Amino acid sequence: MGLLIGLMIAAAVGWMVGADAKKRGMSVAWGWGVFLLMIVFLPIYFIARKPLLTENKKCQYCAELVKNEAKVCKFCGKDI
């Protein structure tokens, strides 16, 4: 019974890590690694994970949100 509960917890955490890794542009294999060896892969994942992929960034001059691909801020006209 305890083994079954442990496997269910490992599967749930592995699924959550895999979904988080996919949102961050990383391999879903992190989820499998956490499921198989949680004590090793989970801390490594938290250290190695990338920031969330977003479509916008803040202009460093006027603090307005502009697209990541923008070279010039459409609000203040400065080069980004």
Protein backbone atom coordinates (compact mmCIF):
# COMPACT_ATOMS: atom_id res chain seq x y z
CA MET A 1 0.00 0.00 0.00
CA GLY A 2 2.81 2.41 0.90
CA LEU A 3 4.63 1.62 -2.33
CA LEU A 4 1.51 2.39 -4.36
CA ILE A 5 1.05 5.75 -2.63
CA GLY A 6 4.73 6.55 -3.20
CA LEU A 7 4.42 5.73 -6.91
CA MET A 8 1.30 7.89 -7.20
CA ILE A 9 3.06 10.84 -5.56
CA ALA A 10 6.13 10.38 -7.77
CA ALA A 11 3.93 10.21 -10.88
CA ALA A 12 2.05 13.39 -9.89
CA VAL A 13 5.24 15.32 -9.16
CA GLY A 14 6.84 14.00 -12.36
CA TRP A 15 3.82 15.11 -14.38
CA MET A 16 3.93 18.60 -12.83
CA VAL A 17 7.67 18.94 -13.49
CA GLY A 18 7.20 17.76 -17.09
CA ALA A 19 4.43 20.31 -17.68
CA ASP A 20 6.53 23.09 -16.10
CA ALA A 21 9.56 22.12 -18.19
CA LYS A 22 7.46 22.21 -21.37
CA LYS A 23 6.22 25.74 -20.53
CA ARG A 24 9.84 26.83 -20.04
CA GLY A 25 11.03 25.38 -23.36
CA MET A 26 12.87 22.46 -21.78
CA SER A 27 12.62 18.72 -22.40
CA VAL A 28 9.64 16.85 -20.99
CA ALA A 29 12.14 14.13 -20.05
CA TRP A 30 12.70 16.05 -16.81
CA GLY A 31 9.30 14.72 -15.72
CA TRP A 32 10.40 11.13 -16.36
CA GLY A 33 13.66 11.74 -14.52
CA VAL A 34 11.80 13.10 -11.50
CA PHE A 35 9.40 10.14 -11.58
CA LEU A 36 12.23 7.60 -11.67
CA LEU A 37 14.77 9.28 -9.34
CA MET A 38 12.97 12.09 -7.52
CA ILE A 39 15.62 12.61 -4.86
CA VAL A 40 18.26 13.33 -7.55
CA PHE A 41 16.38 15.00 -10.43
CA LEU A 42 14.02 17.31 -8.53
CA PRO A 43 16.75 19.45 -6.91
CA ILE A 44 18.74 19.48 -10.17
CA TYR A 45 15.63 20.59 -12.08
CA PHE A 46 15.01 23.50 -9.72
CA ILE A 47 18.62 24.62 -10.16
CA ALA A 48 18.76 24.18 -13.96
CA ARG A 49 15.31 25.36 -15.02
CA LYS A 50 14.98 28.33 -17.34
CA PRO A 51 12.78 31.38 -16.77
CA LEU A 52 9.27 31.28 -18.20
CA LEU A 53 8.97 32.12 -21.86
CA THR A 54 7.01 35.32 -22.22
CA GLU A 55 5.92 37.32 -25.24
CA ASN A 56 6.69 40.71 -23.69
CA LYS A 57 9.52 42.43 -21.87
CA LYS A 58 9.77 45.76 -20.07
CA CYS A 59 11.48 48.70 -21.71
CA GLN A 60 14.42 49.69 -19.50
CA TYR A 61 13.75 53.38 -20.09
CA CYS A 62 9.97 53.82 -19.70
CA ALA A 63 8.99 50.45 -18.08
CA GLU A 64 6.23 49.80 -20.66
CA LEU A 65 5.71 46.26 -22.00
CA VAL A 66 6.98 45.69 -25.54
CA LYS A 67 7.30 42.50 -27.61
CA ASN A 68 10.47 40.42 -27.24
CA GLU A 69 11.31 40.89 -30.92
CA ALA A 70 11.13 44.69 -30.70
CA LYS A 71 14.32 46.63 -31.37
CA VAL A 72 12.81 50.06 -30.57
CA CYS A 73 10.27 50.85 -27.84
CA LYS A 74 7.00 52.00 -29.40
CA PHE A 75 6.23 54.17 -26.37
CA CYS A 76 9.45 56.16 -25.86
CA GLY A 77 11.31 55.49 -29.13
CA LYS A 78 14.56 54.32 -27.45
CA ASP A 79 16.63 51.38 -28.74
CA ILE A 80 16.13 48.30 -26.61
